[in-house]
Amino acid sequence: MSPDQRQINKKRWVIFGVALLIPILLVLLLFVAASQDAKMKKQYEAERASYAENYKKTESEQLIASDPEASTSPKKP
C-alpha cells in the first residue's frame, strides 16, 4: 500500500466514524429530552394541583365573605 492509499483509507475511516456517531448522539439527545420532559410534566402537575387547591380555598372564602347570613357583624350603610 502506498502512503496515498493509506491516507485515503484513514480519511474514509474518520468519515465513517463521524457518520456513525451522529445517529448515536441524536438518539442520546432524544433520550435526555424525553427524561427531562417527564420530570417537568410531574413538576407542572404538582404546581397545577397546588394552584387548584389555592383557588378552591380562595373561592370558598369569597363565598363565605359575600354571604350575608355568614357575617355576624351588622353592615354599615
N, C-alpha and C. Protein backbone atom coordinates (compact mmCIF):
# COMPACT_ATOMS: atom_id res chain seq x y z
N MET A 1 0.83 -1.17 0.00
CA MET A 1 0.00 0.00 0.00
C MET A 1 0.88 1.24 0.00
N SER A 2 0.56 2.13 -0.84
CA SER A 2 1.33 3.37 -0.90
C SER A 2 0.83 4.35 0.17
N PRO A 3 1.61 5.34 0.54
CA PRO A 3 1.19 6.31 1.56
C PRO A 3 -0.09 7.06 1.16
N ASP A 4 -0.28 7.28 -0.11
CA ASP A 4 -1.51 7.97 -0.56
C ASP A 4 -2.74 7.13 -0.27
N GLN A 5 -2.64 5.83 -0.53
CA GLN A 5 -3.77 4.94 -0.29
C GLN A 5 -4.06 4.84 1.20
N ARG A 6 -3.03 4.81 2.04
CA ARG A 6 -3.24 4.76 3.49
C ARG A 6 -3.93 6.03 3.98
N GLN A 7 -3.54 7.18 3.43
CA GLN A 7 -4.15 8.44 3.81
C GLN A 7 -5.63 8.46 3.41
N ILE A 8 -5.95 7.99 2.24
CA ILE A 8 -7.34 7.93 1.78
C ILE A 8 -8.13 6.95 2.63
N ASN A 9 -7.53 5.80 2.94
CA ASN A 9 -8.19 4.80 3.76
C ASN A 9 -8.45 5.35 5.17
N LYS A 10 -7.49 6.06 5.74
CA LYS A 10 -7.64 6.65 7.06
C LYS A 10 -8.76 7.72 7.03
N LYS A 11 -8.79 8.48 5.98
CA LYS A 11 -9.80 9.52 5.84
C LYS A 11 -11.20 8.90 5.78
N ARG A 12 -11.31 7.79 5.06
CA ARG A 12 -12.61 7.10 4.97
C ARG A 12 -13.06 6.62 6.34
N TRP A 13 -12.14 6.07 7.16
CA TRP A 13 -12.50 5.59 8.50
C TRP A 13 -12.92 6.74 9.41
N VAL A 14 -12.29 7.87 9.28
CA VAL A 14 -12.67 9.04 10.07
C VAL A 14 -14.07 9.49 9.69
N ILE A 15 -14.34 9.57 8.41
CA ILE A 15 -15.68 9.97 7.94
C ILE A 15 -16.71 8.94 8.40
N PHE A 16 -16.39 7.67 8.30
CA PHE A 16 -17.31 6.62 8.74
C PHE A 16 -17.58 6.73 10.25
N GLY A 17 -16.52 6.99 11.02
CA GLY A 17 -16.69 7.13 12.47
C GLY A 17 -17.58 8.31 12.83
N VAL A 18 -17.37 9.43 12.18
CA VAL A 18 -18.20 10.61 12.44
C VAL A 18 -19.64 10.34 12.01
N ALA A 19 -19.81 9.71 10.87
CA ALA A 19 -21.16 9.40 10.40
C ALA A 19 -21.86 8.42 11.32
N LEU A 20 -21.12 7.56 11.99
CA LEU A 20 -21.70 6.61 12.93
C LEU A 20 -22.05 7.29 14.26
N LEU A 21 -21.28 8.29 14.65
CA LEU A 21 -21.53 8.99 15.91
C LEU A 21 -22.76 9.90 15.85
N ILE A 22 -23.05 10.45 14.70
CA ILE A 22 -24.17 11.39 14.59
C ILE A 22 -25.50 10.74 14.99
N PRO A 23 -25.90 9.58 14.47
CA PRO A 23 -27.17 8.99 14.91
C PRO A 23 -27.16 8.59 16.39
N ILE A 24 -26.00 8.15 16.87
CA ILE A 24 -25.91 7.78 18.29
C ILE A 24 -26.14 9.02 19.16
N LEU A 25 -25.54 10.12 18.80
CA LEU A 25 -25.72 11.36 19.56
C LEU A 25 -27.16 11.86 19.47
N LEU A 26 -27.79 11.70 18.32
CA LEU A 26 -29.20 12.11 18.19
C LEU A 26 -30.11 11.28 19.08
N VAL A 27 -29.89 9.99 19.13
CA VAL A 27 -30.70 9.12 20.00
C VAL A 27 -30.46 9.47 21.46
N LEU A 28 -29.22 9.73 21.82
CA LEU A 28 -28.90 10.13 23.19
C LEU A 28 -29.58 11.46 23.54
N LEU A 29 -29.57 12.40 22.61
CA LEU A 29 -30.22 13.68 22.82
C LEU A 29 -31.73 13.51 22.99
N LEU A 30 -32.33 12.65 22.20
CA LEU A 30 -33.77 12.39 22.32
C LEU A 30 -34.09 11.75 23.67
N PHE A 31 -33.25 10.85 24.13
CA PHE A 31 -33.47 10.21 25.42
C PHE A 31 -33.40 11.23 26.55
N VAL A 32 -32.40 12.10 26.52
CA VAL A 32 -32.27 13.13 27.55
C VAL A 32 -33.46 14.07 27.52
N ALA A 33 -33.89 14.46 26.33
CA ALA A 33 -35.04 15.36 26.21
C ALA A 33 -36.31 14.70 26.75
N ALA A 34 -36.50 13.43 26.48
CA ALA A 34 -37.69 12.73 26.96
C ALA A 34 -37.68 12.60 28.48
N SER A 35 -36.52 12.34 29.06
CA SER A 35 -36.45 12.22 30.52
C SER A 35 -36.68 13.58 31.18
N GLN A 36 -36.16 14.65 30.61
CA GLN A 36 -36.40 15.98 31.15
C GLN A 36 -37.87 16.37 31.01
N ASP A 37 -38.49 15.97 29.93
CA ASP A 37 -39.90 16.25 29.72
C ASP A 37 -40.75 15.54 30.77
N ALA A 38 -40.40 14.32 31.11
CA ALA A 38 -41.15 13.59 32.14
C ALA A 38 -41.00 14.26 33.50
N LYS A 39 -39.80 14.74 33.82
CA LYS A 39 -39.59 15.44 35.09
C LYS A 39 -40.40 16.72 35.15
N MET A 40 -40.37 17.48 34.05
CA MET A 40 -41.11 18.75 34.03
C MET A 40 -42.61 18.52 34.08
N LYS A 41 -43.09 17.44 33.46
CA LYS A 41 -44.52 17.14 33.50
C LYS A 41 -44.97 16.86 34.93
N LYS A 42 -44.17 16.12 35.68
CA LYS A 42 -44.51 15.84 37.09
C LYS A 42 -44.52 17.14 37.89
N GLN A 43 -43.55 18.00 37.63
CA GLN A 43 -43.48 19.27 38.36
C GLN A 43 -44.68 20.15 38.02
N TYR A 44 -45.06 20.22 36.76
CA TYR A 44 -46.21 21.04 36.36
C TYR A 44 -47.50 20.48 36.96
N GLU A 45 -47.64 19.16 37.01
CA GLU A 45 -48.84 18.58 37.60
C GLU A 45 -48.94 18.91 39.09
N ALA A 46 -47.81 18.90 39.79
CA ALA A 46 -47.81 19.26 41.20
C ALA A 46 -48.17 20.73 41.39
N GLU A 47 -47.64 21.59 40.53
CA GLU A 47 -47.97 23.02 40.61
C GLU A 47 -49.45 23.25 40.31
N ARG A 48 -49.98 22.57 39.30
CA ARG A 48 -51.40 22.72 38.97
C ARG A 48 -52.28 22.28 40.13
N ALA A 49 -51.90 21.20 40.80
CA ALA A 49 -52.68 20.73 41.93
C ALA A 49 -52.66 21.75 43.07
N SER A 50 -51.51 22.35 43.32
CA SER A 50 -51.45 23.36 44.39
C SER A 50 -52.22 24.61 44.00
N TYR A 51 -52.17 25.00 42.73
CA TYR A 51 -52.94 26.16 42.28
C TYR A 51 -54.44 25.89 42.39
N ALA A 52 -54.85 24.69 42.03
CA ALA A 52 -56.27 24.34 42.12
C ALA A 52 -56.73 24.35 43.57
N GLU A 53 -55.89 23.85 44.46
CA GLU A 53 -56.22 23.84 45.89
C GLU A 53 -56.34 25.28 46.41
N ASN A 54 -55.40 26.13 46.03
CA ASN A 54 -55.45 27.53 46.47
C ASN A 54 -56.67 28.24 45.88
N TYR A 55 -57.02 27.93 44.64
CA TYR A 55 -58.18 28.54 44.01
C TYR A 55 -59.46 28.13 44.73
N LYS A 56 -59.59 26.86 45.05
CA LYS A 56 -60.78 26.41 45.77
C LYS A 56 -60.86 27.06 47.15
N LYS A 57 -59.72 27.21 47.79
CA LYS A 57 -59.68 27.82 49.12
C LYS A 57 -60.13 29.28 49.04
N THR A 58 -59.58 30.03 48.11
CA THR A 58 -59.96 31.45 47.99
C THR A 58 -61.39 31.59 47.51
N GLU A 59 -61.83 30.68 46.65
CA GLU A 59 -63.21 30.74 46.16
C GLU A 59 -64.18 30.51 47.31
N SER A 60 -63.90 29.55 48.17
CA SER A 60 -64.79 29.29 49.30
C SER A 60 -64.74 30.46 50.29
N GLU A 61 -63.59 31.08 50.47
CA GLU A 61 -63.50 32.25 51.36
C GLU A 61 -64.31 33.42 50.80
N GLN A 62 -64.29 33.60 49.49
CA GLN A 62 -65.07 34.67 48.87
C GLN A 62 -66.56 34.41 49.00
N LEU A 63 -66.97 33.16 48.86
CA LEU A 63 -68.38 32.83 49.01
C LEU A 63 -68.85 33.09 50.43
N ILE A 64 -68.02 32.74 51.39
CA ILE A 64 -68.38 32.98 52.79
C ILE A 64 -68.43 34.48 53.07
N ALA A 65 -67.50 35.23 52.53
CA ALA A 65 -67.45 36.67 52.75
C ALA A 65 -68.63 37.37 52.10
N SER A 66 -69.11 36.87 50.98
CA SER A 66 -70.22 37.52 50.29
C SER A 66 -71.58 37.08 50.81
N ASP A 67 -71.63 36.04 51.62
CA ASP A 67 -72.89 35.54 52.16
C ASP A 67 -73.33 36.43 53.32
N PRO A 68 -74.50 37.07 53.24
CA PRO A 68 -74.94 37.97 54.32
C PRO A 68 -75.27 37.21 55.60
N GLU A 69 -75.66 35.99 55.51
CA GLU A 69 -76.00 35.22 56.71
C GLU A 69 -74.74 34.75 57.44
N ALA A 70 -73.64 34.71 56.75
CA ALA A 70 -72.41 34.22 57.37
C ALA A 70 -71.75 35.30 58.23
N SER A 71 -71.98 36.55 57.92
CA SER A 71 -71.34 37.61 58.70
C SER A 71 -72.13 37.84 59.99
N THR A 72 -71.44 38.06 61.09
CA THR A 72 -72.09 38.25 62.39
C THR A 72 -72.21 39.71 62.75
N SER A 73 -71.36 40.53 62.18
CA SER A 73 -71.46 41.96 62.50
C SER A 73 -72.46 42.63 61.56
N PRO A 74 -73.18 43.63 62.03
CA PRO A 74 -74.15 44.31 61.17
C PRO A 74 -73.41 45.17 60.14
N LYS A 75 -74.01 45.23 58.95
CA LYS A 75 -73.39 46.01 57.88
C LYS A 75 -73.69 47.49 58.06
N LYS A 76 -72.70 48.31 57.79
CA LYS A 76 -72.88 49.76 57.89
C LYS A 76 -73.25 50.28 56.50
N PRO A 77 -74.22 51.21 56.47
CA PRO A 77 -74.64 51.74 55.15
C PRO A 77 -73.66 52.65 54.52
